[in-house]
């Protein structure tokens, strides 16, 4: 008789693992505490919530993450299937309506007779076959139990989330739709800046107030760095990053000095997120700095950017290539707590562990 598998956490990895186990006829107890107690990064009560960007990055098969998504499609990944179903225009990237994406996955798991979703905070490592997919914001109590089990300190970095803007508050007399080099359809809203506008804005950004971080040292993930930290690296840093104007000129005579891009965040086109503008500025400073951008002078912020600590295990010493604990064969780790970074990588780790 097959044993029931416990999964702690119903984020991207946990949800994918549950689906993969159930389709193989294995019963699952899927524990998720967000409906009774959300952490700092969670907004929705749906499972498999996208808490940062709504983009699963490139679809190009010559790109590593594009190839990984195609492999996941071949392997019948539930989450990639739903991402494809609820995608929103984003040029060559796979971006999704985050609410419809998570809602559809939640409904799919809830109706599966082999998956028992339990609204409960797990405070210890469960006995029997178990996958810990509790995410980078694992509760303090469970974190201590994992730390004791592994006999080693956690590693960590800080991750940031970009603000989301109400589409009706964007001034389209100044902003315009265009994709870089006109590749694909014009899916991004572009807010152009002159050199003078950028210089004034840049000076305000590097002097803006940031939210306090508890730890003495701010360790940030290079791929999701707050834009104000990026700006402090040099005047031109943003111009070679999220504000790169190359390929976004309206015509030959109107090439902007800098461009802020916004990407559609839902199917109804009522929300747009600011691409690459992850931040840990205070809320009042976010509003002030964003409203200095041409076209966003009256921007209504639906969700402010925040920064949160991501905790993960020292994977090389703790798990093998199948995400299996080296100390306990029936225990697996998946998702960001295992040390992977990114939506697609988390989904893949859940599929492999499951």
Protein backbone atom coordinates (compact mmCIF):
# COMPACT_ATOMS: atom_id res chain seq x y z
CA UNK A 1 0.00 0.00 0.00
CA UNK A 2 1.35 3.41 -0.98
CA UNK A 3 2.04 5.82 1.83
CA UNK A 4 0.61 9.33 1.96
CA UNK A 5 3.19 12.02 1.25
CA UNK A 6 3.25 15.19 3.35
CA UNK A 7 4.08 18.46 1.60
CA UNK A 8 4.78 21.50 3.75
CA UNK A 9 3.98 24.63 1.76
CA UNK A 10 1.71 25.14 -1.26
CA UNK A 11 3.73 27.67 -3.18
CA UNK A 12 5.04 26.98 -6.67
CA UNK A 13 7.18 23.98 -5.72
CA UNK A 14 4.73 22.44 -3.26
CA UNK A 15 1.77 22.78 -5.63
CA UNK A 16 3.68 21.22 -8.52
CA UNK A 17 4.94 18.39 -6.33
CA UNK A 18 1.39 17.65 -5.12
CA UNK A 19 0.10 17.45 -8.69
CA UNK A 20 2.93 15.16 -9.81
CA UNK A 21 2.38 12.78 -6.90
CA UNK A 22 -1.41 12.68 -7.34
CA UNK A 23 -1.20 11.92 -11.06
CA UNK A 24 0.87 8.88 -10.07
CA UNK A 25 -1.85 7.68 -7.73
CA UNK A 26 -0.19 8.80 -4.50
CA UNK A 27 -2.20 10.51 -1.76
CA UNK A 28 -0.95 13.89 -0.56
CA UNK A 29 -1.44 15.95 2.58
CA UNK A 30 -0.68 19.49 1.43
CA UNK A 31 -0.11 21.82 4.38
CA UNK A 32 -0.44 25.58 3.82
CA UNK A 33 -0.80 28.24 6.52
CA UNK A 34 -1.41 31.35 4.39
CA UNK A 35 -5.20 31.21 4.70
CA UNK A 36 -4.88 31.50 8.47
CA UNK A 37 -1.60 33.42 8.73
CA UNK A 38 0.08 35.24 5.83
CA UNK A 39 3.75 36.19 5.79
CA UNK A 40 5.13 39.61 4.82
CA UNK A 41 5.22 38.92 1.08
CA UNK A 42 1.82 37.24 0.65
CA UNK A 43 -1.32 39.07 -0.51
CA UNK A 44 -3.59 36.39 -1.93
CA UNK A 45 -5.27 33.40 -0.30
CA UNK A 46 -4.74 31.30 -3.43
CA UNK A 47 -2.04 28.63 -3.63
CA UNK A 48 1.01 29.03 -5.91
CA UNK A 49 1.04 32.80 -5.45
CA UNK A 50 3.49 34.87 -7.49
CA UNK A 51 4.71 37.35 -4.89
CA UNK A 52 7.26 39.22 -6.99
CA UNK A 53 7.14 39.73 -10.76
CA UNK A 54 4.40 38.24 -12.94
CA UNK A 55 6.99 37.11 -15.49
CA UNK A 56 8.38 33.60 -15.88
CA UNK A 57 11.02 35.12 -18.15
CA UNK A 58 12.03 34.25 -21.70
CA UNK A 59 10.28 31.71 -23.94
CA UNK A 60 13.27 31.54 -26.30
CA UNK A 61 14.50 27.94 -26.59
CA UNK A 62 18.07 29.27 -26.97
CA UNK A 63 17.72 30.70 -23.47
CA UNK A 64 18.22 28.39 -20.46
CA UNK A 65 14.97 29.31 -18.73
CA UNK A 66 13.06 29.10 -22.03
CA UNK A 67 14.39 25.60 -22.59
CA UNK A 68 13.52 24.61 -19.02
CA UNK A 69 9.92 25.74 -19.50
CA UNK A 70 9.67 23.63 -22.65
CA UNK A 71 11.04 20.62 -20.77
CA UNK A 72 8.44 21.21 -18.06
CA UNK A 73 5.70 21.29 -20.71
CA UNK A 74 6.87 17.91 -22.01
CA UNK A 75 6.83 16.57 -18.44
CA UNK A 76 3.21 17.79 -17.92
CA UNK A 77 3.89 20.54 -15.39
CA UNK A 78 0.57 21.80 -14.04
CA UNK A 79 1.98 25.25 -13.27
CA UNK A 80 3.51 25.83 -16.70
CA UNK A 81 0.25 24.64 -18.27
CA UNK A 82 -1.65 27.26 -16.26
CA UNK A 83 0.95 29.92 -17.02
CA UNK A 84 0.45 29.29 -20.74
CA UNK A 85 -3.33 29.41 -20.31
CA UNK A 86 -3.38 32.71 -18.40
CA UNK A 87 -0.49 34.51 -20.06
CA UNK A 88 -0.60 38.24 -20.75
CA UNK A 89 1.29 40.04 -23.55
CA UNK A 90 4.98 40.46 -22.67
CA UNK A 91 6.96 40.30 -25.91
CA UNK A 92 9.17 37.20 -25.90
CA UNK A 93 8.59 36.48 -22.22
CA UNK A 94 5.93 34.35 -20.52
CA UNK A 95 4.07 36.68 -18.16
CA UNK A 96 0.78 35.81 -16.48
CA UNK A 97 -2.31 37.25 -14.87
CA UNK A 98 -1.06 36.35 -11.41
CA UNK A 99 -4.52 36.12 -9.80
CA UNK A 100 -6.12 33.92 -12.46
CA UNK A 101 -2.97 31.77 -12.59
CA UNK A 102 -3.02 31.06 -8.84
CA UNK A 103 -6.80 30.68 -8.68
CA UNK A 104 -6.78 28.06 -11.45
CA UNK A 105 -4.03 26.04 -9.75
CA UNK A 106 -5.88 26.22 -6.43
CA UNK A 107 -9.08 24.92 -8.02
CA UNK A 108 -7.20 22.13 -9.81
CA UNK A 109 -5.60 20.91 -6.58
CA UNK A 110 -8.79 21.30 -4.51
CA UNK A 111 -10.85 19.11 -6.85
CA UNK A 112 -8.26 16.32 -6.92
CA UNK A 113 -9.51 13.51 -4.64
CA UNK A 114 -5.94 12.42 -3.82
CA UNK A 115 -4.90 15.85 -2.52
CA UNK A 116 -5.97 16.86 0.98
CA UNK A 117 -5.28 20.58 1.52
CA UNK A 118 -4.79 21.33 5.21
CA UNK A 119 -4.93 24.94 6.46
CA UNK A 120 -2.40 24.57 9.22
CA UNK A 121 1.00 25.95 10.22
CA UNK A 122 3.47 23.08 10.51
CA UNK A 123 5.92 23.67 13.35
CA UNK A 124 8.02 20.50 13.09
CA UNK A 125 9.48 18.20 10.46
CA UNK A 126 6.80 15.58 9.89
CA UNK A 127 7.48 11.85 10.01
CA UNK A 128 6.98 9.67 6.94
CA UNK A 129 7.59 10.70 3.30
CA UNK A 130 7.76 14.50 3.37
CA UNK A 131 8.65 17.38 1.06
CA UNK A 132 9.52 20.66 2.73
CA UNK A 133 8.58 23.40 0.26
CA UNK A 134 7.88 26.10 2.81
CA UNK A 135 9.57 28.85 0.84
CA UNK A 136 12.16 31.50 1.68
CA UNK A 137 9.91 32.95 4.39
CA UNK A 138 9.58 29.73 6.37
CA UNK A 139 8.19 30.40 9.85
CA UNK A 140 10.70 30.93 12.62
CA UNK A 141 9.57 27.85 14.55
CA UNK A 142 9.91 25.47 11.59
CA UNK A 143 13.16 27.16 10.54
CA UNK A 144 14.70 26.35 13.91
CA UNK A 145 13.63 22.69 13.60
CA UNK A 146 15.17 22.47 10.12
CA UNK A 147 18.34 24.14 11.37
CA UNK A 148 18.59 21.65 14.24
CA UNK A 149 17.98 18.74 11.87
CA UNK A 150 20.64 19.87 9.40
CA UNK A 151 23.08 20.95 12.09
CA UNK A 152 24.07 24.05 10.12
CA UNK A 153 23.18 27.71 9.76
CA UNK A 154 20.81 28.94 7.08
CA UNK A 155 22.06 31.05 4.22
CA UNK A 156 20.09 34.13 3.18
CA UNK A 157 19.78 37.13 0.90
CA UNK A 158 17.30 39.97 0.53
CA UNK A 159 14.79 40.02 -2.30
CA UNK A 160 12.62 42.93 -3.40
CA UNK A 161 9.23 43.36 -5.09
CA UNK A 162 8.32 45.98 -7.70
CA UNK A 163 5.29 48.30 -7.38
CA UNK A 164 2.10 47.79 -9.42
CA UNK A 165 0.34 50.78 -10.97
CA UNK A 166 -3.33 51.38 -11.81
CA UNK A 167 -3.44 51.51 -15.64
CA UNK A 168 -5.98 54.35 -15.69
CA UNK A 169 -3.55 56.59 -13.81
CA UNK A 170 -0.86 56.39 -16.53
CA UNK A 171 -0.70 59.49 -18.77
CA UNK A 172 -0.64 58.03 -22.29
CA UNK A 173 -0.07 61.47 -23.82
CA UNK A 174 3.52 61.08 -22.54
CA UNK A 175 3.90 57.29 -22.39
CA UNK A 176 3.64 54.98 -25.41
CA UNK A 177 3.32 51.30 -26.29
CA UNK A 178 6.33 49.66 -27.87
CA UNK A 179 8.45 46.52 -27.67
CA UNK A 180 12.22 46.78 -27.91
CA UNK A 181 13.34 46.95 -31.56
CA UNK A 182 9.67 46.33 -32.48
CA UNK A 183 10.16 42.62 -31.82
CA UNK A 184 6.73 41.06 -31.53
CA UNK A 185 3.70 43.14 -30.59
CA UNK A 186 4.01 46.44 -28.72
CA UNK A 187 3.24 45.01 -25.28
CA UNK A 188 5.12 47.35 -22.94
CA UNK A 189 4.18 50.87 -21.85
CA UNK A 190 7.26 53.09 -22.06
CA UNK A 191 7.81 56.27 -20.06
CA UNK A 192 10.65 58.25 -21.69
CA UNK A 193 13.05 60.64 -19.94
CA UNK A 194 15.28 63.38 -21.28
CA UNK A 195 18.81 63.67 -19.93
CA UNK A 196 17.78 66.57 -17.68
CA UNK A 197 14.78 64.68 -16.34
CA UNK A 198 16.90 61.61 -15.65
CA UNK A 199 19.62 63.64 -13.89
CA UNK A 200 17.09 65.30 -11.57
CA UNK A 201 15.30 62.03 -10.91
CA UNK A 202 18.55 60.12 -10.31
CA UNK A 203 19.68 62.64 -7.69
CA UNK A 204 16.40 62.18 -5.81
CA UNK A 205 16.62 58.38 -6.00
CA UNK A 206 20.10 58.02 -4.50
CA UNK A 207 19.09 60.31 -1.62
CA UNK A 208 15.64 58.81 -1.00
CA UNK A 209 14.74 57.19 2.33
CA UNK A 210 14.74 53.41 2.49
CA UNK A 211 12.94 51.06 4.86
CA UNK A 212 15.10 49.79 7.70
CA UNK A 213 16.66 46.35 7.44
CA UNK A 214 17.19 44.42 10.68
CA UNK A 215 20.40 42.70 9.67
CA UNK A 216 23.71 44.51 9.91
CA UNK A 217 24.66 43.64 6.34
CA UNK A 218 22.26 43.97 3.39
CA UNK A 219 22.90 40.98 1.14
CA UNK A 220 20.87 41.30 -2.04
CA UNK A 221 20.24 38.95 -4.95
CA UNK A 222 21.91 40.46 -8.02
CA UNK A 223 19.05 39.36 -10.29
CA UNK A 224 16.43 41.16 -8.19
CA UNK A 225 18.32 44.13 -6.81
CA UNK A 226 16.39 47.20 -5.59
CA UNK A 227 16.63 49.88 -8.27
CA UNK A 228 17.82 52.46 -5.73
CA UNK A 229 20.73 50.17 -4.75
CA UNK A 230 21.54 49.72 -8.43
CA UNK A 231 21.50 53.51 -8.89
CA UNK A 232 24.03 53.97 -6.10
CA UNK A 233 26.53 51.92 -8.11
CA UNK A 234 26.83 54.75 -10.60
CA UNK A 235 24.99 57.34 -12.69
CA UNK A 236 24.79 55.09 -15.77
CA UNK A 237 24.06 51.77 -14.07
CA UNK A 238 20.28 51.98 -14.56
CA UNK A 239 20.81 53.08 -18.17
CA UNK A 240 22.39 49.69 -18.84
CA UNK A 241 19.78 47.89 -16.76
CA UNK A 242 16.00 48.35 -16.37
CA UNK A 243 16.03 51.87 -17.86
CA UNK A 244 18.01 51.02 -21.01
CA UNK A 245 16.57 53.15 -23.85
CA UNK A 246 18.12 51.18 -26.74
CA UNK A 247 15.56 50.00 -29.29
CA UNK A 248 12.71 51.98 -27.72
CA UNK A 249 12.78 55.20 -29.75
CA UNK A 250 9.47 56.35 -31.15
CA UNK A 251 11.26 57.39 -34.35
CA UNK A 252 14.75 58.31 -35.56
CA UNK A 253 14.56 61.80 -34.06
CA UNK A 254 13.05 60.85 -30.71
CA UNK A 255 15.40 58.56 -28.87
CA UNK A 256 14.93 59.02 -25.11
CA UNK A 257 17.88 59.22 -22.72
CA UNK A 258 16.23 56.71 -20.38
CA UNK A 259 13.03 54.64 -20.39
CA UNK A 260 10.91 53.20 -17.59
CA UNK A 261 8.92 50.19 -18.82
CA UNK A 262 5.64 48.86 -17.47
CA UNK A 263 4.38 45.33 -18.12
CA UNK A 264 0.75 44.20 -18.12
CA UNK A 265 -0.06 42.41 -14.86
CA UNK A 266 -3.57 41.07 -15.47
CA UNK A 267 -5.77 40.02 -18.38
CA UNK A 268 -8.14 42.97 -17.92
CA UNK A 269 -5.22 45.36 -18.49
CA UNK A 270 -6.08 47.34 -15.36
CA UNK A 271 -2.72 46.83 -13.65
CA UNK A 272 0.86 47.27 -14.81
CA UNK A 273 4.05 46.52 -12.87
CA UNK A 274 7.19 48.64 -13.24
CA UNK A 275 9.77 46.38 -14.85
CA UNK A 276 12.98 46.03 -12.86
CA UNK A 277 11.86 48.49 -10.18
CA UNK A 278 12.09 46.21 -7.17
CA UNK A 279 12.54 48.51 -4.21
CA UNK A 280 12.86 48.96 -0.47
CA UNK A 281 12.15 52.67 -0.43
CA UNK A 282 9.59 53.76 2.15
CA UNK A 283 6.04 53.88 0.78
CA UNK A 284 5.91 57.69 0.79
CA UNK A 285 9.23 57.86 -1.07
CA UNK A 286 8.06 55.28 -3.62
CA UNK A 287 5.08 57.45 -4.46
CA UNK A 288 7.22 60.59 -4.70
CA UNK A 289 9.95 59.00 -6.84
CA UNK A 290 7.53 57.18 -9.16
CA UNK A 291 5.49 60.34 -9.71
CA UNK A 292 8.64 62.12 -10.93
CA UNK A 293 8.66 59.79 -13.97
CA UNK A 294 7.08 61.36 -17.10
CA UNK A 295 3.66 59.77 -17.63
CA UNK A 296 3.39 58.65 -14.01
CA UNK A 297 2.85 62.05 -12.38
CA UNK A 298 -0.57 60.92 -11.12
CA UNK A 299 0.27 57.24 -10.71
CA UNK A 300 -1.94 55.33 -8.28
CA UNK A 301 0.05 52.55 -6.67
CA UNK A 302 -2.05 49.39 -6.20
CA UNK A 303 0.75 47.46 -4.51
CA UNK A 304 3.90 49.01 -3.09
CA UNK A 305 7.30 47.41 -3.44
CA UNK A 306 8.74 45.72 -0.37
CA UNK A 307 11.92 43.89 0.58
CA UNK A 308 11.99 40.60 2.43
CA UNK A 309 14.61 38.18 3.67
CA UNK A 310 14.96 34.91 1.75
CA UNK A 311 16.30 32.01 3.80
CA UNK A 312 17.60 28.78 2.28
CA UNK A 313 19.56 25.69 3.23
CA UNK A 314 23.17 25.01 2.28
CA UNK A 315 22.06 22.60 -0.45
CA UNK A 316 25.41 20.97 -1.42
CA UNK A 317 25.88 19.69 2.11
CA UNK A 318 22.20 18.92 2.84
CA UNK A 319 20.58 17.38 -0.26
CA UNK A 320 21.46 15.40 -3.38
CA UNK A 321 20.62 16.09 -7.03
CA UNK A 322 17.04 14.86 -6.52
CA UNK A 323 16.46 17.30 -3.62
CA UNK A 324 16.59 14.34 -1.22
CA UNK A 325 17.97 14.83 2.27
CA UNK A 326 21.33 13.15 2.77
CA UNK A 327 20.42 12.45 6.41
CA UNK A 328 16.89 11.10 5.92
CA UNK A 329 15.98 9.35 2.62
CA UNK A 330 12.22 10.01 2.88
CA UNK A 331 12.67 13.76 3.37
CA UNK A 332 13.01 16.18 0.44
CA UNK A 333 13.41 19.95 0.11
CA UNK A 334 12.00 21.87 -2.87
CA UNK A 335 11.50 25.45 -3.99
CA UNK A 336 13.43 28.45 -2.80
CA UNK A 337 14.25 26.97 0.59
CA UNK A 338 16.36 24.41 -1.31
CA UNK A 339 18.51 27.19 -2.74
CA UNK A 340 17.02 27.61 -6.22
CA UNK A 341 16.11 31.13 -7.30
CA UNK A 342 13.30 31.97 -9.70
CA UNK A 343 9.75 30.87 -10.47
CA UNK A 344 10.61 28.33 -13.17
CA UNK A 345 13.42 26.82 -11.13
CA UNK A 346 11.10 26.45 -8.13
CA UNK A 347 8.46 24.73 -10.27
CA UNK A 348 11.08 22.38 -11.68
CA UNK A 349 12.42 21.50 -8.23
CA UNK A 350 8.88 20.66 -7.08
CA UNK A 351 8.36 18.44 -10.11
CA UNK A 352 11.64 16.58 -9.53
CA UNK A 353 11.09 16.15 -5.79
CA UNK A 354 7.50 14.97 -6.37
